[in-house]
Amino acid sequence: MKSLKQRQFDFMGHRRVAFAISAAMLLVSVVALLLLGLNLGLDFTGGTLVEVRFATAPVLASVRQALETAGFQDVAVQTFGASNEVLIRLQQAFEAGVGDQVVALLQQAGNDVSLVRAEFVGAQVGGQLRDQSGMGLLVALGIVMLYVAARFQYKFAIGALLALLHDVIIVVGLFSLFQFAFDLTVLAALLAVIGYSLNDTIVVYDRIRETIRKSRIDDMPTIFNEAINQTLSRTLATSGTTLLVLLALFLLGGDMIHYFALALILGVVVGTFSSIYVASALLLPLKLDREDLIPPKKEDPEVEELP
């Protein structure tokens, strides 16, 4: 059997199908964001924090289930410091005595638990976090575009920026579609997705640039296929090993990083797809050609005629 390095896949020949898939995913994501919105976590919306201390380390899933059964909604439970100290986040307005109410419910479930603190996280703080984090995301995308334009060429920068926007919109859209909790850890994952996707895109772009310079033909789809096939084994190996780690975090990491790992898993899958079928394939409608990468030869200075 041929190895991946020996096989030649016609990626560019299927780019229109890939564009249709991307357009459908983007449409679903945008519609979900407009109609459903994001299920913003406590970091953005404000709510109640309750810290309790157990006599022995509890099972977090049991703590969350007990509170949800009692009628609390959007409950997030995580250890805080020691294994027997638990931080409970409630996405609801702060009420006097809510800490004692939570402790009483947990004691009824057979736990030896005491209240450490109960406090309110204001919506104003959540608004500031939302605005600043959104601005940080836009600044990151702008810096990426400038970097790619300086290292390669402006057409590469346009392709890279559209690919990154494609990845971010789809990941955020999936969180909106399935109403997964969107908090600061997910936002951090989005920034990590931008870095991962950009790294993969830069590797493919670098090979495309070198292949164009070395090739004696002007058939861009053929050149792109050759470059992508040369980086395919590296791309699959990197994505595969990254996904193995992220799956371990998703399954075993606990509630605190559950959605962080999920966002990264979605980002790696979508980013690997976009490095080939968005960032690279978009260079064709952008009319990238050899002259964009090979500077024109300098003309010899005119030699003054001898008298």
C-alpha atoms as a PDB file:
ATOM      1  CA  MET A   1       0.000   0.000   0.000  1.00  0.00           C
ATOM      2  CA  LYS A   2       1.163   3.528  -0.703  1.00  0.00           C
ATOM      3  CA  SER A   3       2.018   5.749   2.233  1.00  0.00           C
ATOM      4  CA  LEU A   4       0.524   9.221   2.658  1.00  0.00           C
ATOM      5  CA  LYS A   5       3.735  10.722   1.289  1.00  0.00           C
ATOM      6  CA  GLN A   6       3.401   8.661  -1.909  1.00  0.00           C
ATOM      7  CA  ARG A   7      -0.334   9.239  -2.474  1.00  0.00           C
ATOM      8  CA  GLN A   8      -1.500  12.327  -4.293  1.00  0.00           C
ATOM      9  CA  PHE A   9      -4.961  13.534  -3.272  1.00  0.00           C
ATOM     10  CA  ASP A  10      -6.799  15.982  -5.511  1.00  0.00           C
ATOM     11  CA  PHE A  11      -7.762  18.473  -2.817  1.00  0.00           C
ATOM     12  CA  MET A  12      -8.288  21.377  -5.184  1.00  0.00           C
ATOM     13  CA  GLY A  13     -10.478  19.271  -7.435  1.00  0.00           C
ATOM     14  CA  HIS A  14     -12.998  18.986  -4.586  1.00  0.00           C
ATOM     15  CA  ARG A  15     -12.719  22.589  -3.399  1.00  0.00           C
ATOM     16  CA  ARG A  16     -16.206  23.545  -4.598  1.00  0.00           C
ATOM     17  CA  VAL A  17     -17.744  20.768  -2.494  1.00  0.00           C
ATOM     18  CA  ALA A  18     -15.634  21.909   0.447  1.00  0.00           C
ATOM     19  CA  PHE A  19     -16.739  25.521  -0.107  1.00  0.00           C
ATOM     20  CA  ALA A  20     -20.359  24.361  -0.031  1.00  0.00           C
ATOM     21  CA  ILE A  21     -19.782  22.492   3.242  1.00  0.00           C
ATOM     22  CA  SER A  22     -18.089  25.536   4.760  1.00  0.00           C
ATOM     23  CA  ALA A  23     -20.888  27.826   3.595  1.00  0.00           C
ATOM     24  CA  ALA A  24     -23.502  25.510   5.114  1.00  0.00           C
ATOM     25  CA  MET A  25     -21.658  25.354   8.456  1.00  0.00           C
ATOM     26  CA  LEU A  26     -21.245  29.132   8.491  1.00  0.00           C
ATOM     27  CA  LEU A  27     -24.933  29.644   7.689  1.00  0.00           C
ATOM     28  CA  VAL A  28     -26.029  27.316  10.499  1.00  0.00           C
ATOM     29  CA  SER A  29     -23.625  29.010  12.909  1.00  0.00           C
ATOM     30  CA  VAL A  30     -24.771  32.544  12.061  1.00  0.00           C
ATOM     31  CA  VAL A  31     -28.472  31.584  12.266  1.00  0.00           C
ATOM     32  CA  ALA A  32     -27.893  29.896  15.635  1.00  0.00           C
ATOM     33  CA  LEU A  33     -26.076  32.962  16.963  1.00  0.00           C
ATOM     34  CA  LEU A  34     -28.848  35.300  15.773  1.00  0.00           C
ATOM     35  CA  LEU A  35     -31.782  33.185  16.955  1.00  0.00           C
ATOM     36  CA  LEU A  36     -30.442  31.388  20.013  1.00  0.00           C
ATOM     37  CA  GLY A  37     -27.500  33.481  21.128  1.00  0.00           C
ATOM     38  CA  LEU A  38     -24.770  32.212  23.414  1.00  0.00           C
ATOM     39  CA  ASN A  39     -25.392  30.505  26.726  1.00  0.00           C
ATOM     40  CA  LEU A  40     -23.085  32.913  28.540  1.00  0.00           C
ATOM     41  CA  GLY A  41     -21.510  31.714  31.749  1.00  0.00           C
ATOM     42  CA  LEU A  42     -21.270  33.483  35.070  1.00  0.00           C
ATOM     43  CA  ASP A  43     -18.085  35.272  33.975  1.00  0.00           C
ATOM     44  CA  PHE A  44     -20.141  37.302  31.495  1.00  0.00           C
ATOM     45  CA  THR A  45     -23.627  37.515  32.967  1.00  0.00           C
ATOM     46  CA  GLY A  46     -23.029  37.863  36.692  1.00  0.00           C
ATOM     47  CA  GLY A  47     -24.541  35.617  39.350  1.00  0.00           C
ATOM     48  CA  THR A  48     -23.818  33.966  42.667  1.00  0.00           C
ATOM     49  CA  LEU A  49     -20.693  32.287  44.004  1.00  0.00           C
ATOM     50  CA  VAL A  50     -20.968  29.884  46.915  1.00  0.00           C
ATOM     51  CA  GLU A  51     -17.864  28.309  48.434  1.00  0.00           C
ATOM     52  CA  VAL A  52     -18.358  25.324  50.747  1.00  0.00           C
ATOM     53  CA  ARG A  53     -16.042  22.993  52.615  1.00  0.00           C
ATOM     54  CA  PHE A  54     -16.714  19.254  52.877  1.00  0.00           C
ATOM     55  CA  ALA A  55     -15.334  16.952  55.524  1.00  0.00           C
ATOM     56  CA  THR A  56     -14.039  14.662  52.787  1.00  0.00           C
ATOM     57  CA  ALA A  57     -13.551  15.188  49.063  1.00  0.00           C
ATOM     58  CA  PRO A  58     -16.995  14.974  47.400  1.00  0.00           C
ATOM     59  CA  VAL A  59     -18.081  13.657  44.023  1.00  0.00           C
ATOM     60  CA  LEU A  60     -18.665  16.827  42.019  1.00  0.00           C
ATOM     61  CA  ALA A  61     -21.271  15.251  39.759  1.00  0.00           C
ATOM     62  CA  SER A  62     -23.363  14.317  42.815  1.00  0.00           C
ATOM     63  CA  VAL A  63     -23.118  17.860  44.178  1.00  0.00           C
ATOM     64  CA  ARG A  64     -24.270  19.333  40.871  1.00  0.00           C
ATOM     65  CA  GLN A  65     -27.097  16.812  40.525  1.00  0.00           C
ATOM     66  CA  ALA A  66     -28.371  17.543  44.044  1.00  0.00           C
ATOM     67  CA  LEU A  67     -28.536  21.281  43.322  1.00  0.00           C
ATOM     68  CA  GLU A  68     -30.173  20.846  39.910  1.00  0.00           C
ATOM     69  CA  THR A  69     -32.765  18.508  41.417  1.00  0.00           C
ATOM     70  CA  ALA A  70     -33.567  21.223  43.967  1.00  0.00           C
ATOM     71  CA  GLY A  71     -34.332  23.662  41.158  1.00  0.00           C
ATOM     72  CA  PHE A  72     -31.070  25.557  40.670  1.00  0.00           C
ATOM     73  CA  GLN A  73     -30.257  26.149  37.010  1.00  0.00           C
ATOM     74  CA  ASP A  74     -26.937  26.527  35.162  1.00  0.00           C
ATOM     75  CA  VAL A  75     -24.947  25.091  38.045  1.00  0.00           C
ATOM     76  CA  ALA A  76     -21.154  24.857  37.727  1.00  0.00           C
ATOM     77  CA  VAL A  77     -19.218  22.944  40.364  1.00  0.00           C
ATOM     78  CA  GLN A  78     -15.442  22.748  40.720  1.00  0.00           C
ATOM     79  CA  THR A  79     -12.830  22.187  43.369  1.00  0.00           C
ATOM     80  CA  PHE A  80     -11.257  25.349  44.742  1.00  0.00           C
ATOM     81  CA  GLY A  81      -7.860  24.852  46.365  1.00  0.00           C
ATOM     82  CA  ALA A  82      -8.037  21.671  48.432  1.00  0.00           C
ATOM     83  CA  SER A  83      -9.989  18.672  47.156  1.00  0.00           C
ATOM     84  CA  ASN A  84     -12.628  19.104  49.887  1.00  0.00           C
ATOM     85  CA  GLU A  85     -13.270  22.770  49.082  1.00  0.00           C
ATOM     86  CA  VAL A  86     -15.828  23.308  46.354  1.00  0.00           C
ATOM     87  CA  LEU A  87     -16.821  26.448  44.454  1.00  0.00           C
ATOM     88  CA  ILE A  88     -20.419  26.483  43.240  1.00  0.00           C
ATOM     89  CA  ARG A  89     -21.474  28.964  40.542  1.00  0.00           C
ATOM     90  CA  LEU A  90     -25.149  29.776  40.161  1.00  0.00           C
ATOM     91  CA  GLN A  91     -26.277  31.797  37.165  1.00  0.00           C
ATOM     92  CA  GLN A  92     -28.990  33.656  39.046  1.00  0.00           C
ATOM     93  CA  ALA A  93     -29.393  36.820  41.085  1.00  0.00           C
ATOM     94  CA  PHE A  94     -27.902  36.861  44.564  1.00  0.00           C
ATOM     95  CA  GLU A  95     -30.398  36.391  47.387  1.00  0.00           C
ATOM     96  CA  ALA A  96     -29.884  36.649  51.128  1.00  0.00           C
ATOM     97  CA  GLY A  97     -29.427  33.235  52.645  1.00  0.00           C
ATOM     98  CA  VAL A  98     -28.654  31.466  49.352  1.00  0.00           C
ATOM     99  CA  GLY A  99     -25.418  30.108  50.843  1.00  0.00           C
ATOM    100  CA  ASP A 100     -27.265  28.586  53.814  1.00  0.00           C
ATOM    101  CA  GLN A 101     -29.862  27.182  51.414  1.00  0.00           C
ATOM    102  CA  VAL A 102     -27.174  25.437  49.338  1.00  0.00           C
ATOM    103  CA  VAL A 103     -25.522  24.022  52.455  1.00  0.00           C
ATOM    104  CA  ALA A 104     -28.858  22.736  53.783  1.00  0.00           C
ATOM    105  CA  LEU A 105     -29.584  20.968  50.486  1.00  0.00           C
ATOM    106  CA  LEU A 106     -26.163  19.300  50.471  1.00  0.00           C
ATOM    107  CA  GLN A 107     -26.564  18.248  54.114  1.00  0.00           C
ATOM    108  CA  GLN A 108     -29.908  16.669  53.288  1.00  0.00           C
ATOM    109  CA  ALA A 109     -28.054  14.595  50.682  1.00  0.00           C
ATOM    110  CA  GLY A 110     -25.894  13.177  53.471  1.00  0.00           C
ATOM    111  CA  ASN A 111     -22.848  15.427  53.182  1.00  0.00           C
ATOM    112  CA  ASP A 112     -20.901  16.921  56.067  1.00  0.00           C
ATOM    113  CA  VAL A 113     -20.500  20.415  54.673  1.00  0.00           C
ATOM    114  CA  SER A 114     -20.091  23.992  55.941  1.00  0.00           C
ATOM    115  CA  LEU A 115     -20.398  27.403  54.295  1.00  0.00           C
ATOM    116  CA  VAL A 116     -17.220  29.392  53.641  1.00  0.00           C
ATOM    117  CA  ARG A 117     -18.628  32.364  51.693  1.00  0.00           C
ATOM    118  CA  ALA A 118     -21.444  33.410  49.395  1.00  0.00           C
ATOM    119  CA  GLU A 119     -21.124  36.506  47.224  1.00  0.00           C
ATOM    120  CA  PHE A 120     -22.479  38.211  44.150  1.00  0.00           C
ATOM    121  CA  VAL A 121     -20.596  38.789  40.874  1.00  0.00           C
ATOM    122  CA  GLY A 122     -22.074  41.909  39.323  1.00  0.00           C
ATOM    123  CA  ALA A 123     -23.269  42.186  35.728  1.00  0.00           C
ATOM    124  CA  GLN A 124     -21.059  45.247  35.250  1.00  0.00           C
ATOM    125  CA  VAL A 125     -17.972  43.083  35.727  1.00  0.00           C
ATOM    126  CA  GLY A 126     -19.431  40.609  33.264  1.00  0.00           C
ATOM    127  CA  GLY A 127     -19.995  43.372  30.711  1.00  0.00           C
ATOM    128  CA  GLN A 128     -16.432  44.594  31.024  1.00  0.00           C
ATOM    129  CA  LEU A 129     -15.111  41.073  30.567  1.00  0.00           C
ATOM    130  CA  ARG A 130     -17.290  40.594  27.485  1.00  0.00           C
ATOM    131  CA  ASP A 131     -16.209  43.848  25.852  1.00  0.00           C
ATOM    132  CA  GLN A 132     -12.511  43.435  26.652  1.00  0.00           C
ATOM    133  CA  SER A 133     -12.405  39.813  25.566  1.00  0.00           C
ATOM    134  CA  GLY A 134     -14.133  40.612  22.274  1.00  0.00           C
ATOM    135  CA  MET A 135     -11.682  43.425  21.633  1.00  0.00           C
ATOM    136  CA  GLY A 136      -8.792  41.069  22.423  1.00  0.00           C
ATOM    137  CA  LEU A 137     -10.094  38.623  19.835  1.00  0.00           C
ATOM    138  CA  LEU A 138     -10.290  41.338  17.170  1.00  0.00           C
ATOM    139  CA  VAL A 139      -6.803  42.609  17.996  1.00  0.00           C
ATOM    140  CA  ALA A 140      -5.426  39.069  17.709  1.00  0.00           C
ATOM    141  CA  LEU A 141      -6.991  38.663  14.257  1.00  0.00           C
ATOM    142  CA  GLY A 142      -5.615  42.028  13.142  1.00  0.00           C
ATOM    143  CA  ILE A 143      -2.085  41.178  14.264  1.00  0.00           C
ATOM    144  CA  VAL A 144      -2.335  37.830  12.484  1.00  0.00           C
ATOM    145  CA  MET A 145      -3.273  39.539   9.229  1.00  0.00           C
ATOM    146  CA  LEU A 146      -0.363  41.986   9.471  1.00  0.00           C
ATOM    147  CA  TYR A 147       2.065  39.167  10.252  1.00  0.00           C
ATOM    148  CA  VAL A 148       0.993  37.012   7.299  1.00  0.00           C
ATOM    149  CA  ALA A 149       0.996  40.001   4.943  1.00  0.00           C
ATOM    150  CA  ALA A 150       4.547  40.896   6.009  1.00  0.00           C
ATOM    151  CA  ARG A 151       5.874  37.338   5.812  1.00  0.00           C
ATOM    152  CA  PHE A 152       4.129  36.262   2.619  1.00  0.00           C
ATOM    153  CA  GLN A 153       1.904  38.538   0.546  1.00  0.00           C
ATOM    154  CA  TYR A 154      -1.404  40.336   1.043  1.00  0.00           C
ATOM    155  CA  LYS A 155      -3.391  37.623  -0.768  1.00  0.00           C
ATOM    156  CA  PHE A 156      -2.082  35.083   1.741  1.00  0.00           C
ATOM    157  CA  ALA A 157      -3.118  37.454   4.541  1.00  0.00           C
ATOM    158  CA  ILE A 158      -6.678  37.652   3.193  1.00  0.00           C
ATOM    159  CA  GLY A 159      -6.889  33.865   2.929  1.00  0.00           C
ATOM    160  CA  ALA A 160      -5.504  33.354   6.438  1.00  0.00           C
ATOM    161  CA  LEU A 161      -7.842  35.933   7.970  1.00  0.00           C
ATOM    162  CA  LEU A 162     -10.922  34.463   6.281  1.00  0.00           C
ATOM    163  CA  ALA A 163      -9.875  30.979   7.427  1.00  0.00           C
ATOM    164  CA  LEU A 164      -9.483  32.141  11.033  1.00  0.00           C
ATOM    165  CA  LEU A 165     -12.854  33.917  10.965  1.00  0.00           C
ATOM    166  CA  HIS A 166     -14.327  30.730   9.475  1.00  0.00           C
ATOM    167  CA  ASP A 167     -12.942  28.653  12.371  1.00  0.00           C
ATOM    168  CA  VAL A 168     -14.027  31.051  15.124  1.00  0.00           C
ATOM    169  CA  ILE A 169     -17.552  31.545  13.761  1.00  0.00           C
ATOM    170  CA  ILE A 170     -18.157  27.797  13.388  1.00  0.00           C
ATOM    171  CA  VAL A 171     -16.864  26.931  16.877  1.00  0.00           C
ATOM    172  CA  VAL A 172     -18.891  29.738  18.469  1.00  0.00           C
ATOM    173  CA  GLY A 173     -21.904  28.790  16.343  1.00  0.00           C
ATOM    174  CA  LEU A 174     -21.770  25.183  17.533  1.00  0.00           C
ATOM    175  CA  PHE A 175     -21.688  26.385  21.150  1.00  0.00           C
ATOM    176  CA  SER A 176     -24.759  28.489  20.369  1.00  0.00           C
ATOM    177  CA  LEU A 177     -26.550  25.697  18.483  1.00  0.00           C
ATOM    178  CA  PHE A 178     -26.180  23.169  21.313  1.00  0.00           C
ATOM    179  CA  GLN A 179     -26.323  25.826  24.076  1.00  0.00           C
ATOM    180  CA  PHE A 180     -23.046  24.783  25.664  1.00  0.00           C
ATOM    181  CA  ALA A 181     -21.891  27.119  28.431  1.00  0.00           C
ATOM    182  CA  PHE A 182     -19.688  29.886  27.038  1.00  0.00           C
ATOM    183  CA  ASP A 183     -17.318  31.300  29.654  1.00  0.00           C
ATOM    184  CA  LEU A 184     -13.807  32.714  29.845  1.00  0.00           C
ATOM    185  CA  THR A 185     -12.197  29.275  29.499  1.00  0.00           C
ATOM    186  CA  VAL A 186     -13.997  28.827  26.157  1.00  0.00           C
ATOM    187  CA  LEU A 187     -12.830  32.271  25.082  1.00  0.00           C
ATOM    188  CA  ALA A 188      -9.273  31.269  25.964  1.00  0.00           C
ATOM    189  CA  ALA A 189      -9.783  28.135  23.872  1.00  0.00           C
ATOM    190  CA  LEU A 190     -10.849  30.297  20.907  1.00  0.00           C
ATOM    191  CA  LEU A 191      -7.598  32.251  21.132  1.00  0.00           C
ATOM    192  CA  ALA A 192      -5.724  28.940  21.255  1.00  0.00           C
ATOM    193  CA  VAL A 193      -7.668  27.768  18.177  1.00  0.00           C
ATOM    194  CA  ILE A 194      -6.564  30.915  16.325  1.00  0.00           C
ATOM    195  CA  GLY A 195      -2.935  30.129  17.159  1.00  0.00           C
ATOM    196  CA  TYR A 196      -3.233  26.452  16.232  1.00  0.00           C
ATOM    197  CA  SER A 197      -5.068  27.088  12.969  1.00  0.00           C
ATOM    198  CA  LEU A 198      -2.649  29.845  12.006  1.00  0.00           C
ATOM    199  CA  ASN A 199       0.347  27.608  12.654  1.00  0.00           C
ATOM    200  CA  ASP A 200      -1.102  24.902  10.410  1.00  0.00           C
ATOM    201  CA  THR A 201      -1.963  27.479   7.747  1.00  0.00           C
ATOM    202  CA  ILE A 202       1.543  28.969   7.818  1.00  0.00           C
ATOM    203  CA  VAL A 203       3.090  25.536   7.265  1.00  0.00           C
ATOM    204  CA  VAL A 204       0.886  24.933   4.218  1.00  0.00           C
ATOM    205  CA  TYR A 205       1.431  28.472   2.912  1.00  0.00           C
ATOM    206  CA  ASP A 206       5.194  28.162   3.227  1.00  0.00           C
ATOM    207  CA  ARG A 207       5.175  24.949   1.206  1.00  0.00           C
ATOM    208  CA  ILE A 208       2.868  26.494  -1.416  1.00  0.00           C
ATOM    209  CA  ARG A 209       5.205  29.463  -1.787  1.00  0.00           C
ATOM    210  CA  GLU A 210       8.280  27.282  -2.169  1.00  0.00           C
ATOM    211  CA  THR A 211       6.539  24.954  -4.627  1.00  0.00           C
ATOM    212  CA  ILE A 212       5.437  27.871  -6.790  1.00  0.00           C
ATOM    213  CA  ARG A 213       8.974  29.223  -6.903  1.00  0.00           C
ATOM    214  CA  LYS A 214      10.482  25.864  -7.819  1.00  0.00           C
ATOM    215  CA  SER A 215       7.798  24.665 -10.222  1.00  0.00           C
ATOM    216  CA  ARG A 216       8.120  25.117 -13.969  1.00  0.00           C
ATOM    217  CA  ILE A 217       4.362  25.078 -14.547  1.00  0.00           C
ATOM    218  CA  ASP A 218       1.703  27.737 -13.967  1.00  0.00           C
ATOM    219  CA  ASP A 219      -1.183  25.397 -13.105  1.00  0.00           C
ATOM    220  CA  MET A 220      -1.967  26.671  -9.591  1.00  0.00           C
ATOM    221  CA  PRO A 221      -4.405  23.862  -8.577  1.00  0.00           C
ATOM    222  CA  THR A 222      -1.740  21.271  -9.431  1.00  0.00           C
ATOM    223  CA  ILE A 223       0.915  23.210  -7.517  1.00  0.00           C
ATOM    224  CA  PHE A 224      -1.381  23.580  -4.495  1.00  0.00           C
ATOM    225  CA  ASN A 225      -2.175  19.854  -4.528  1.00  0.00           C
ATOM    226  CA  GLU A 226       1.519  18.999  -4.574  1.00  0.00           C
ATOM    227  CA  ALA A 227       2.270  21.369  -1.681  1.00  0.00           C
ATOM    228  CA  ILE A 228      -0.648  20.173   0.465  1.00  0.00           C
ATOM    229  CA  ASN A 229       0.179  16.513  -0.135  1.00  0.00           C
ATOM    230  CA  GLN A 230       3.756  17.181   0.974  1.00  0.00           C
ATOM    231  CA  THR A 231       2.517  18.568   4.315  1.00  0.00           C
ATOM    232  CA  LEU A 232      -0.381  16.133   4.753  1.00  0.00           C
ATOM    233  CA  SER A 233       1.429  13.562   6.898  1.00  0.00           C
ATOM    234  CA  ARG A 234       2.742  16.308   9.182  1.00  0.00           C
ATOM    235  CA  THR A 235      -0.734  17.879   9.463  1.00  0.00           C
ATOM    236  CA  LEU A 236      -2.466  14.594  10.292  1.00  0.00           C
ATOM    237  CA  ALA A 237       0.204  13.590  12.815  1.00  0.00           C
ATOM    238  CA  THR A 238       0.005  16.943  14.600  1.00  0.00           C
ATOM    239  CA  SER A 239      -3.788  17.057  14.619  1.00  0.00           C
ATOM    240  CA  GLY A 240      -4.097  13.414  15.661  1.00  0.00           C
ATOM    241  CA  THR A 241      -1.770  13.635  18.645  1.00  0.00           C
ATOM    242  CA  THR A 242      -3.344  16.934  19.717  1.00  0.00           C
ATOM    243  CA  LEU A 243      -6.809  15.395  19.576  1.00  0.00           C
ATOM    244  CA  LEU A 244      -5.693  12.456  21.722  1.00  0.00           C
ATOM    245  CA  VAL A 245      -4.588  14.838  24.471  1.00  0.00           C
ATOM    246  CA  LEU A 246      -7.738  16.927  24.176  1.00  0.00           C
ATOM    247  CA  LEU A 247      -9.978  13.868  24.325  1.00  0.00           C
ATOM    248  CA  ALA A 248      -8.242  12.834  27.554  1.00  0.00           C
ATOM    249  CA  LEU A 249      -8.852  16.315  28.983  1.00  0.00           C
ATOM    250  CA  PHE A 250     -12.466  16.262  27.807  1.00  0.00           C
ATOM    251  CA  LEU A 251     -13.222  12.868  29.349  1.00  0.00           C
ATOM    252  CA  LEU A 252     -11.059  13.019  32.485  1.00  0.00           C
ATOM    253  CA  GLY A 253     -10.374  16.696  33.128  1.00  0.00           C
ATOM    254  CA  GLY A 254     -13.519  17.446  35.114  1.00  0.00           C
ATOM    255  CA  ASP A 255     -16.097  20.225  34.906  1.00  0.00           C
ATOM    256  CA  MET A 256     -13.599  23.066  35.137  1.00  0.00           C
ATOM    257  CA  ILE A 257     -12.031  22.414  31.701  1.00  0.00           C
ATOM    258  CA  HIS A 258     -14.815  20.365  30.087  1.00  0.00           C
ATOM    259  CA  TYR A 259     -15.977  23.038  27.654  1.00  0.00           C
ATOM    260  CA  PHE A 260     -12.438  24.366  27.236  1.00  0.00           C
ATOM    261  CA  ALA A 261     -11.382  20.961  25.895  1.00  0.00           C
ATOM    262  CA  LEU A 262     -14.537  20.688  23.775  1.00  0.00           C
ATOM    263  CA  ALA A 263     -13.886  24.061  22.129  1.00  0.00           C
ATOM    264  CA  LEU A 264     -10.318  23.024  21.336  1.00  0.00           C
ATOM    265  CA  ILE A 265     -11.443  19.693  19.880  1.00  0.00           C
ATOM    266  CA  LEU A 266     -13.897  21.451  17.582  1.00  0.00           C
ATOM    267  CA  GLY A 267     -11.273  24.066  16.735  1.00  0.00           C
ATOM    268  CA  VAL A 268      -8.603  21.523  15.809  1.00  0.00           C
ATOM    269  CA  VAL A 269     -10.977  19.607  13.528  1.00  0.00           C
ATOM    270  CA  VAL A 270     -12.351  22.730  11.846  1.00  0.00           C
ATOM    271  CA  GLY A 271      -8.905  24.361  11.711  1.00  0.00           C
ATOM    272  CA  THR A 272      -7.338  21.361   9.984  1.00  0.00           C
ATOM    273  CA  PHE A 273     -10.137  21.415   7.411  1.00  0.00           C
ATOM    274  CA  SER A 274      -9.826  25.174   6.861  1.00  0.00           C
ATOM    275  CA  SER A 275      -6.046  25.102   6.414  1.00  0.00           C
ATOM    276  CA  ILE A 276      -6.597  23.097   3.236  1.00  0.00           C
ATOM    277  CA  TYR A 277     -10.020  24.014   1.940  1.00  0.00           C
ATOM    278  CA  VAL A 278     -10.343  27.635   3.068  1.00  0.00           C
ATOM    279  CA  ALA A 279      -6.939  29.224   3.557  1.00  0.00           C
ATOM    280  CA  SER A 280      -5.319  27.414   0.621  1.00  0.00           C
ATOM    281  CA  ALA A 281      -8.249  27.042  -1.772  1.00  0.00           C
ATOM    282  CA  LEU A 282      -9.183  30.721  -1.424  1.00  0.00           C
ATOM    283  CA  LEU A 283      -5.878  31.650  -3.031  1.00  0.00           C
ATOM    284  CA  LEU A 284      -7.324  30.472  -6.357  1.00  0.00           C
ATOM    285  CA  PRO A 285     -10.248  32.944  -6.525  1.00  0.00           C
ATOM    286  CA  LEU A 286      -7.841  35.579  -5.172  1.00  0.00           C
ATOM    287  CA  LYS A 287      -5.822  35.027  -8.386  1.00  0.00           C
ATOM    288  CA  LEU A 288      -2.500  34.190  -6.773  1.00  0.00           C
ATOM    289  CA  ASP A 289       0.154  33.677  -9.442  1.00  0.00           C
ATOM    290  CA  ARG A 290       3.910  33.358  -9.799  1.00  0.00           C
ATOM    291  CA  GLU A 291       4.450  37.101 -10.239  1.00  0.00           C
ATOM    292  CA  ASP A 292       3.035  37.712  -6.742  1.00  0.00           C
ATOM    293  CA  LEU A 293       5.907  35.756  -5.182  1.00  0.00           C
ATOM    294  CA  ILE A 294       8.812  36.332  -7.537  1.00  0.00           C
ATOM    295  CA  PRO A 295       9.922  39.961  -7.540  1.00  0.00           C
ATOM    296  CA  PRO A 296      10.583  41.446 -10.990  1.00  0.00           C
ATOM    297  CA  LYS A 297      14.173  41.603 -12.101  1.00  0.00           C
ATOM    298  CA  LYS A 298      15.848  44.929 -11.680  1.00  0.00           C
ATOM    299  CA  GLU A 299      16.655  46.588 -14.923  1.00  0.00           C
ATOM    300  CA  ASP A 300      20.302  47.360 -15.592  1.00  0.00           C
ATOM    301  CA  PRO A 301      21.103  51.037 -15.258  1.00  0.00           C
ATOM    302  CA  GLU A 302      21.523  52.788 -18.530  1.00  0.00           C
ATOM    303  CA  VAL A 303      25.134  53.013 -19.593  1.00  0.00           C
ATOM    304  CA  GLU A 304      26.135  56.413 -20.739  1.00  0.00           C
ATOM    305  CA  GLU A 305      27.295  56.413 -24.339  1.00  0.00           C
ATOM    306  CA  LEU A 306      30.949  57.164 -24.874  1.00  0.00           C
ATOM    307  CA  PRO A 307      31.677  60.331 -26.823  1.00  0.00           C
END
